[in-house]
C-alpha cells in the first residue's frame, strides 16, 4: 500500500525541544509531535499516553484504544456497496485521535477495496502556546486549555489532589498571557497559524495519530455534528460510520434524531450507515443499516446486541 504525505492534513509542527532517548510515560506535546523519529511501537505508546491526558471541553478524552473495532470491521465488510470502477466513498465521524479510522482504512485496503475515506472530529487543529522553554499549553480555537506541558512532563489541564493547585496556577498564568497577546491569530481562532507575541509563542499542532497523515486516500476535517452542515457532504458517501458518538450517554433522544438525520443525508442512495457503541468491558454493539432511496433505514446486520438507538433510527 502506498503511503505519502496527505495534503489535506497539516504537517506536524517542527517543535524544537530535546527529546529523551526513551519514551516517557507522561510525554509532552513536543515529544509526541516533534521532529524526533521514534520506532512505531514507541510512537504508538507515546500517543496513547499523551491522548489519555488531553481533555476536551465536554470532559471527554481524546484517546482511542487500538484494535477495539476489529470485529466491527470484519462484520461490516460483506455489507459494503459494490462500486465497480470507482472508489468507495467512506466517512468516519467523531474519530478522536484517528486510530480506529486508520485501522479501518488499512483493513479495507488490505481486502482489495479501492476507497477514498474522510474522517471528521470536532477538535483536530490546536495551538501549542509556550511561555519560555519549560511551560506550554495546548489550546483549541476557543482558547480552551486541553493539555499542559510542565518542565518536561505532560499533564491534563486539571488534576486532583495536591497537584490541582499547581495546575490551577499554571492555567491562570496562561490565561493572563492569552489576555496580553489576545490579538495573535491563534488566539482569534486561527490555530493553524504560527505566531510570536509579547509573551507567547504559538505553534500549530494537529491532534491526530501520526500515521493518519501518511495515507493519501484518507482526509480529515473538523466537523461539528450540531453545527451547520458542509454542503459538500450531502449525498457524498457510500458508507458512513458513527462509532461511540450516537448514544444516550452523550445526547438526549431529540438531539440524536437531529444528528442521525444529518448523517443520513450524507449517504448516497442505498448507502450503508454503521452505528456502534463499545461497552466498558470492550464489547462492541452495533447495527448496520441500509439507506434505500426515498426511504428511511432498514437493518442489514447486527453485532452483539445491536445499537441501543436502533429503534430510534428506524423511525427516521
Protein backbone atom coordinates (compact mmCIF):
# COMPACT_ATOMS: atom_id res chain seq x y z
CA UNK A 1 0.00 0.00 0.00
CA UNK A 2 1.44 3.36 -1.00
CA UNK A 3 1.80 5.88 1.79
CA UNK A 4 2.57 9.52 1.13
CA UNK A 5 2.09 12.83 2.84
CA UNK A 6 -1.57 13.80 2.79
CA UNK A 7 -2.04 17.40 1.59
CA UNK A 8 -5.44 17.69 3.33
CA UNK A 9 -3.84 17.37 6.76
CA UNK A 10 -1.43 19.97 8.10
CA UNK A 11 2.08 18.62 8.55
CA UNK A 12 3.09 18.01 12.12
CA UNK A 13 4.87 21.05 13.51
CA UNK A 14 8.60 21.34 13.99
CA UNK A 15 8.61 21.74 17.74
CA UNK A 16 12.12 22.40 18.92
CA UNK A 17 12.97 20.64 22.16
CA UNK A 18 15.49 17.98 23.10
CA UNK A 19 13.79 14.59 23.16
CA UNK A 20 14.95 11.90 25.62
CA UNK A 21 16.23 8.61 24.27
CA UNK A 22 13.47 6.59 25.95
CA UNK A 23 9.75 7.35 25.58
CA UNK A 24 8.18 8.98 28.62
CA UNK A 25 5.05 7.72 30.36
CA UNK A 26 3.97 11.37 30.64
CA UNK A 27 5.04 12.75 27.25
CA UNK A 28 4.87 16.40 26.35
CA UNK A 29 3.34 17.68 23.13
CA UNK A 30 6.80 18.22 21.68
CA UNK A 31 7.88 14.66 22.45
CA UNK A 32 4.85 13.26 20.59
CA UNK A 33 4.64 15.66 17.64
CA UNK A 34 8.20 16.93 17.30
CA UNK A 35 10.90 16.01 14.79
CA UNK A 36 12.34 13.09 16.72
CA UNK A 37 11.67 9.82 14.89
CA UNK A 38 10.54 7.12 17.30
CA UNK A 39 10.09 3.47 16.47
CA UNK A 40 6.48 2.63 15.52
CA UNK A 41 5.96 0.90 18.88
CA UNK A 42 7.37 3.84 20.83
CA UNK A 43 5.32 6.34 18.80
CA UNK A 44 2.15 4.34 19.47
CA UNK A 45 2.99 4.22 23.19
CA UNK A 46 3.64 7.97 23.35
CA UNK A 47 0.44 8.82 21.51
CA UNK A 48 -1.64 6.61 23.77
CA UNK A 49 -0.15 8.14 26.92
CA UNK A 50 -0.46 11.66 25.51
CA UNK A 51 -4.07 11.41 24.35
CA UNK A 52 -5.01 9.89 27.71
CA UNK A 53 -4.27 13.34 29.18
CA UNK A 54 -5.90 15.53 26.52
CA UNK A 55 -9.22 16.62 27.98
CA UNK A 56 -11.78 18.22 25.66
CA UNK A 57 -14.14 20.98 26.86
CA UNK A 58 -17.01 18.47 27.27
CA UNK A 59 -14.88 16.40 29.65
CA UNK A 60 -14.13 13.54 27.25
CA UNK A 61 -10.63 12.31 26.47
CA UNK A 62 -9.03 12.32 23.04
CA UNK A 63 -7.70 8.78 23.46
CA UNK A 64 -8.79 5.77 21.39
CA UNK A 65 -7.72 2.21 22.15
CA UNK A 66 -6.07 0.37 19.29
CA UNK A 67 -7.80 -2.67 17.73
CA UNK A 68 -11.07 -2.07 19.55
CA UNK A 69 -13.21 -2.14 16.38
CA UNK A 70 -11.63 -5.12 14.64
CA UNK A 71 -14.74 -7.31 14.95
CA UNK A 72 -16.91 -4.48 13.64
CA UNK A 73 -14.64 -4.07 10.60
CA UNK A 74 -15.00 -7.77 9.82
CA UNK A 75 -18.78 -7.69 10.29
CA UNK A 76 -19.24 -4.69 8.01
CA UNK A 77 -17.06 -5.94 5.15
CA UNK A 78 -19.65 -8.18 3.39
CA UNK A 79 -22.28 -5.43 3.50
CA UNK A 80 -20.27 -2.73 1.78
CA UNK A 81 -21.75 -1.45 -1.50
CA UNK A 82 -20.05 -2.58 -4.69
CA UNK A 83 -18.68 0.25 -6.82
CA UNK A 84 -17.06 -1.29 -9.93
CA UNK A 85 -14.50 1.03 -11.47
CA UNK A 86 -14.97 3.65 -8.78
CA UNK A 87 -13.57 4.29 -5.34
CA UNK A 88 -15.80 3.51 -2.37
CA UNK A 89 -16.52 6.83 -0.62
CA UNK A 90 -16.32 6.26 3.15
CA UNK A 91 -16.84 8.61 6.10
CA UNK A 92 -15.94 8.03 9.75
CA UNK A 93 -17.30 10.64 12.15
CA UNK A 94 -16.02 11.70 15.58
CA UNK A 95 -12.71 9.95 15.03
CA UNK A 96 -10.90 11.31 18.10
CA UNK A 97 -7.17 10.66 17.53
CA UNK A 98 -7.89 8.73 14.32
CA UNK A 99 -6.50 5.37 15.48
CA UNK A 100 -9.64 3.35 14.67
CA UNK A 101 -10.14 5.26 11.42
CA UNK A 102 -6.61 4.44 10.32
CA UNK A 103 -7.13 0.76 11.18
CA UNK A 104 -10.39 0.64 9.19
CA UNK A 105 -8.80 2.37 6.22
CA UNK A 106 -5.93 -0.11 6.15
CA UNK A 107 -8.23 -3.11 6.68
CA UNK A 108 -10.35 -2.14 3.67
CA UNK A 109 -7.26 -1.54 1.54
CA UNK A 110 -5.78 -4.88 2.54
CA UNK A 111 -9.02 -6.54 1.45
CA UNK A 112 -8.69 -5.13 -2.05
CA UNK A 113 -11.17 -2.28 -1.71
CA UNK A 114 -10.30 0.90 -3.54
CA UNK A 115 -11.50 3.71 -1.34
CA UNK A 116 -11.45 7.38 -0.50
CA UNK A 117 -12.04 7.97 3.21
CA UNK A 118 -12.96 11.10 5.12
CA UNK A 119 -12.63 11.35 8.88
CA UNK A 120 -14.19 14.12 10.94
CA UNK A 121 -13.95 15.34 14.50
CA UNK A 122 -14.91 18.45 16.44
CA UNK A 123 -11.33 19.24 17.50
CA UNK A 124 -8.49 18.39 15.13
CA UNK A 125 -6.41 21.56 14.91
CA UNK A 126 -4.91 23.17 18.01
CA UNK A 127 -2.13 25.54 19.03
CA UNK A 128 0.71 24.94 21.46
CA UNK A 129 1.29 28.20 23.30
CA UNK A 130 4.55 28.50 25.21
CA UNK A 131 5.89 30.75 27.94
CA UNK A 132 9.60 30.01 27.80
CA UNK A 133 11.07 26.55 27.09
CA UNK A 134 9.54 24.69 30.05
CA UNK A 135 5.87 25.70 30.14
CA UNK A 136 3.34 25.17 27.36
CA UNK A 137 -0.41 24.70 26.98
CA UNK A 138 -2.37 23.12 24.16
CA UNK A 139 -5.46 25.17 23.29
CA UNK A 140 -8.34 24.79 20.85
CA UNK A 141 -9.78 27.54 18.65
CA UNK A 142 -11.91 28.81 21.56
CA UNK A 143 -8.88 29.12 23.89
CA UNK A 144 -9.87 26.11 25.96
CA UNK A 145 -6.79 24.54 27.56
CA UNK A 146 -6.66 20.84 26.63
CA UNK A 147 -3.24 19.77 27.94
CA UNK A 148 -0.24 21.19 29.80
CA UNK A 149 3.49 20.65 29.32
CA UNK A 150 5.23 21.37 32.62
CA UNK A 151 9.00 21.01 32.99
CA UNK A 152 9.26 18.04 30.64
CA UNK A 153 6.08 16.25 31.72
CA UNK A 154 2.67 16.18 30.10
CA UNK A 155 -0.32 16.61 32.40
CA UNK A 156 -4.09 17.05 31.96
CA UNK A 157 -5.36 20.63 32.23
CA UNK A 158 -6.82 19.92 35.68
CA UNK A 159 -5.58 17.47 38.28
CA UNK A 160 -6.77 16.03 41.55
CA UNK A 161 -5.17 16.26 44.95
CA UNK A 162 -2.18 18.48 45.70
CA UNK A 163 -1.23 18.72 42.01
CA UNK A 164 -4.52 20.50 41.26
CA UNK A 165 -3.16 23.66 42.89
CA UNK A 166 -0.11 23.73 40.62
CA UNK A 167 -2.21 23.01 37.53
CA UNK A 168 -4.59 25.80 38.53
CA UNK A 169 -1.77 28.29 38.94
CA UNK A 170 -0.31 27.42 35.55
CA UNK A 171 -3.73 27.72 33.90
CA UNK A 172 -4.05 31.18 35.42
CA UNK A 173 -0.61 32.07 34.05
CA UNK A 174 -1.62 31.08 30.53
CA UNK A 175 -5.00 32.79 30.79
CA UNK A 176 -3.21 36.02 31.73
CA UNK A 177 -0.72 35.57 28.90
CA UNK A 178 -3.56 35.00 26.43
CA UNK A 179 -5.11 38.29 27.53
CA UNK A 180 -1.82 40.10 26.89
CA UNK A 181 -1.39 38.54 23.44
CA UNK A 182 -5.10 38.37 22.63
CA UNK A 183 -4.64 39.73 19.09
CA UNK A 184 -2.43 36.87 17.92
CA UNK A 185 -4.12 34.85 15.12
CA UNK A 186 -4.17 31.54 17.09
CA UNK A 187 -5.94 33.34 19.94
CA UNK A 188 -8.50 34.60 17.44
CA UNK A 189 -9.38 31.06 16.40
CA UNK A 190 -6.81 30.64 13.61
CA UNK A 191 -4.91 27.90 15.42
CA UNK A 192 -3.27 26.57 12.24
CA UNK A 193 -1.07 29.69 12.07
CA UNK A 194 2.25 30.11 13.87
CA UNK A 195 2.73 33.37 15.76
CA UNK A 196 5.02 35.16 18.23
CA UNK A 197 3.67 37.70 20.72
CA UNK A 198 4.96 39.73 23.63
CA UNK A 199 4.68 36.73 25.94
CA UNK A 200 3.56 33.71 23.95
CA UNK A 201 4.97 31.66 21.13
CA UNK A 202 2.25 29.77 19.21
CA UNK A 203 2.85 26.62 17.13
CA UNK A 204 0.17 24.61 15.27
CA UNK A 205 -0.45 21.01 16.32
CA UNK A 206 -2.70 18.51 14.55
CA UNK A 207 -4.30 16.21 17.15
CA UNK A 208 -4.17 13.00 15.14
CA UNK A 209 -2.15 9.84 15.25
CA UNK A 210 0.94 10.44 13.14
CA UNK A 211 0.08 7.63 10.70
CA UNK A 212 -3.07 9.44 9.51
CA UNK A 213 -1.04 11.99 7.54
CA UNK A 214 0.77 9.16 5.71
CA UNK A 215 -2.34 7.85 3.89
CA UNK A 216 -3.03 9.66 0.63
CA UNK A 217 -6.61 8.31 0.45
CA UNK A 218 -7.54 9.48 3.97
CA UNK A 219 -8.53 13.09 4.59
CA UNK A 220 -9.60 14.69 7.87
CA UNK A 221 -11.84 17.70 8.50
CA UNK A 222 -13.15 19.45 11.57
CA UNK A 223 -16.91 19.00 11.78
CA UNK A 224 -19.46 19.97 14.42
CA UNK A 225 -22.32 17.47 14.25
CA UNK A 226 -24.55 20.04 15.98
CA UNK A 227 -23.46 22.91 13.73
CA UNK A 228 -24.06 23.95 10.16
CA UNK A 229 -23.74 21.23 7.55
CA UNK A 230 -20.98 21.22 4.96
CA UNK A 231 -22.67 21.33 1.52
CA UNK A 232 -20.01 19.06 0.02
CA UNK A 233 -21.02 16.23 2.39
CA UNK A 234 -24.59 15.93 1.07
CA UNK A 235 -25.20 12.56 -0.66
CA UNK A 236 -21.42 12.14 -0.92
CA UNK A 237 -20.71 8.79 0.75
CA UNK A 238 -21.44 5.13 0.13
CA UNK A 239 -20.63 4.22 3.75
CA UNK A 240 -20.73 6.22 6.99
CA UNK A 241 -19.67 5.01 10.42
CA UNK A 242 -20.59 6.63 13.73
CA UNK A 243 -18.76 4.74 16.47
CA UNK A 244 -19.09 5.74 20.12
CA UNK A 245 -20.85 9.02 19.46
CA UNK A 246 -24.57 8.27 18.84
CA UNK A 247 -25.68 7.06 22.25
CA UNK A 248 -27.80 8.23 25.16
CA UNK A 249 -24.75 8.83 27.35
CA UNK A 250 -23.82 11.78 25.15
CA UNK A 251 -27.11 13.16 23.81
CA UNK A 252 -30.85 13.09 24.57
CA UNK A 253 -33.15 11.40 22.07
CA UNK A 254 -34.21 14.55 20.21
CA UNK A 255 -30.57 15.56 19.61
CA UNK A 256 -29.69 12.05 18.45
CA UNK A 257 -32.52 12.27 15.90
CA UNK A 258 -31.17 15.58 14.56
CA UNK A 259 -27.64 14.21 14.22
CA UNK A 260 -28.87 10.97 12.65
CA UNK A 261 -30.91 12.88 10.05
CA UNK A 262 -27.83 14.90 9.15
CA UNK A 263 -25.74 11.76 8.75
CA UNK A 264 -28.50 10.07 6.73
CA UNK A 265 -28.38 12.97 4.27
CA UNK A 266 -24.67 12.40 3.74
CA UNK A 267 -25.30 8.96 2.27
CA UNK A 268 -25.77 8.14 -1.37
CA UNK A 269 -28.92 6.13 -2.31
CA UNK A 270 -28.64 2.62 -0.86
CA UNK A 271 -25.69 3.70 1.25
CA UNK A 272 -24.71 1.99 4.49
CA UNK A 273 -24.86 3.54 7.96
CA UNK A 274 -22.97 1.88 10.82
CA UNK A 275 -23.78 2.84 14.42
CA UNK A 276 -21.69 1.27 17.17
CA UNK A 277 -21.05 1.65 20.87
CA UNK A 278 -18.20 -0.03 22.77
CA UNK A 279 -19.04 -1.03 26.35
CA UNK A 280 -16.71 -0.51 29.30
CA UNK A 281 -15.85 -4.20 29.02
CA UNK A 282 -14.72 -3.69 25.42
CA UNK A 283 -17.71 -5.37 23.73
CA UNK A 284 -18.99 -3.78 20.53
CA UNK A 285 -22.74 -3.49 19.99
CA UNK A 286 -23.59 -2.24 16.52
CA UNK A 287 -26.29 -2.14 13.87
CA UNK A 288 -25.56 -1.90 10.16
CA UNK A 289 -28.32 -0.10 8.23
CA UNK A 290 -29.07 0.37 4.56
CA UNK A 291 -30.48 3.71 3.42
CA UNK A 292 -32.78 2.97 0.45
CA UNK A 293 -33.51 5.84 -1.93
CA UNK A 294 -36.54 7.82 -0.82
CA UNK A 295 -36.99 5.85 2.39
CA UNK A 296 -35.69 5.64 5.93
CA UNK A 297 -33.34 2.95 7.14
CA UNK A 298 -33.51 -0.83 7.26
CA UNK A 299 -31.36 -3.27 9.22
CA UNK A 300 -28.78 -5.28 7.30
CA UNK A 301 -26.95 -6.89 10.19
CA UNK A 302 -26.10 -6.59 13.88
CA UNK A 303 -23.03 -7.12 16.00
CA UNK A 304 -23.53 -8.13 19.62
CA UNK A 305 -26.78 -6.66 20.93
CA UNK A 306 -27.10 -4.11 18.15
CA UNK A 307 -27.19 -0.35 18.56
CA UNK A 308 -29.01 0.96 21.62
CA UNK A 309 -30.70 3.57 19.40
CA UNK A 310 -31.73 1.16 16.63
CA UNK A 311 -35.47 1.73 17.17
CA UNK A 312 -34.94 5.47 17.14
CA UNK A 313 -33.04 5.29 13.84
CA UNK A 314 -35.63 3.05 12.21
CA UNK A 315 -38.18 5.76 12.92
CA UNK A 316 -36.42 8.38 10.82
